[in-house]
Amino acid sequence: MAKKAVAVPNLEKTLETLETLVEKMESGDLSLEESLQAFEQGVRLTREAQQALQAAEQKVRILLKDEAEPEAFQPDDAD
């Protein structure tokens, strides 16, 4: 059964964009309409960042779940 690929946003880029957006909003130079648009974009970016973190957490859980105790190396005596 093939797994469906899920697009995971780039967390670093999302956080960088969100930080820039917050700086613009904090400057106080935006009109009411621009502020509302920025707020809406900020909410979307926050959700994207949460999705990226959840996807990373899920991957870590899967990796830890599948982690088995390593076996000792047994060299072949084929000499």
Protein backbone atom coordinates (compact mmCIF):
# COMPACT_ATOMS: atom_id res chain seq x y z
CA MET A 1 0.00 0.00 0.00
CA ALA A 2 1.53 3.32 -1.08
CA LYS A 3 1.65 6.16 1.43
CA LYS A 4 0.17 9.47 0.38
CA ALA A 5 2.73 12.27 0.26
CA VAL A 6 1.86 15.24 2.44
CA ALA A 7 3.33 18.63 1.67
CA VAL A 8 5.10 19.92 4.77
CA PRO A 9 5.84 23.63 4.82
CA ASN A 10 9.42 24.71 5.41
CA LEU A 11 9.37 25.65 9.09
CA GLU A 12 12.35 27.99 8.97
CA LYS A 13 10.97 29.94 6.00
CA THR A 14 7.52 30.12 7.58
CA LEU A 15 8.92 31.46 10.86
CA GLU A 16 11.08 33.98 9.03
CA THR A 17 8.08 35.25 7.07
CA LEU A 18 6.00 35.40 10.23
CA GLU A 19 8.70 37.37 12.03
CA THR A 20 8.88 39.90 9.18
CA LEU A 21 5.11 40.21 9.21
CA VAL A 22 5.04 40.85 12.96
CA GLU A 23 7.69 43.56 12.61
CA LYS A 24 5.56 45.32 9.97
CA MET A 25 2.50 45.14 12.18
CA GLU A 26 4.39 46.42 15.22
CA SER A 27 5.71 49.39 13.28
CA GLY A 28 2.23 50.93 13.30
CA ASP A 29 2.57 52.09 9.70
CA LEU A 30 -0.09 49.78 8.27
CA SER A 31 -3.62 50.89 7.50
CA LEU A 32 -6.53 49.05 9.09
CA GLU A 33 -7.07 47.01 5.91
CA GLU A 34 -3.37 46.16 5.67
CA SER A 35 -3.33 45.20 9.34
CA LEU A 36 -6.28 42.87 8.87
CA GLN A 37 -4.62 41.25 5.86
CA ALA A 38 -1.37 40.88 7.79
CA PHE A 39 -3.22 39.35 10.73
CA GLU A 40 -4.97 36.88 8.43
CA GLN A 41 -1.65 35.93 6.84
CA GLY A 42 -0.10 35.57 10.31
CA VAL A 43 -2.81 33.15 11.38
CA ARG A 44 -2.23 31.08 8.22
CA LEU A 45 1.53 31.06 8.77
CA THR A 46 1.10 30.02 12.39
CA ARG A 47 -1.05 27.09 11.30
CA GLU A 48 1.55 26.09 8.71
CA ALA A 49 4.28 26.17 11.37
CA GLN A 50 2.16 24.02 13.69
CA GLN A 51 1.62 21.49 10.88
CA ALA A 52 5.35 21.34 10.19
CA LEU A 53 6.08 20.75 13.88
CA GLN A 54 3.43 18.05 14.11
CA ALA A 55 4.84 16.30 11.04
CA ALA A 56 8.34 16.39 12.51
CA GLU A 57 7.07 15.06 15.83
CA GLN A 58 5.28 12.22 14.05
CA LYS A 59 8.46 11.29 12.17
CA VAL A 60 10.44 11.22 15.41
CA ARG A 61 7.84 8.99 17.06
CA ILE A 62 7.89 6.60 14.11
CA LEU A 63 11.69 6.44 14.17
CA LEU A 64 11.79 5.80 17.90
CA LYS A 65 9.06 3.19 17.67
CA ASP A 66 10.90 1.24 14.99
CA GLU A 67 14.23 1.52 16.79
CA ALA A 68 15.42 -1.95 17.72
CA GLU A 69 18.32 -2.94 19.91
CA PRO A 70 21.42 -3.13 17.69
CA GLU A 71 22.98 -6.54 17.26
CA ALA A 72 26.63 -7.15 18.04
CA PHE A 73 28.88 -7.34 14.99
CA GLN A 74 29.81 -10.91 14.10
CA PRO A 75 32.72 -10.95 11.62
CA ASP A 76 32.74 -13.66 8.97
CA ASP A 77 35.60 -16.15 9.31
CA ALA A 78 35.92 -16.68 5.56
CA ASP A 79 39.75 -16.65 5.51
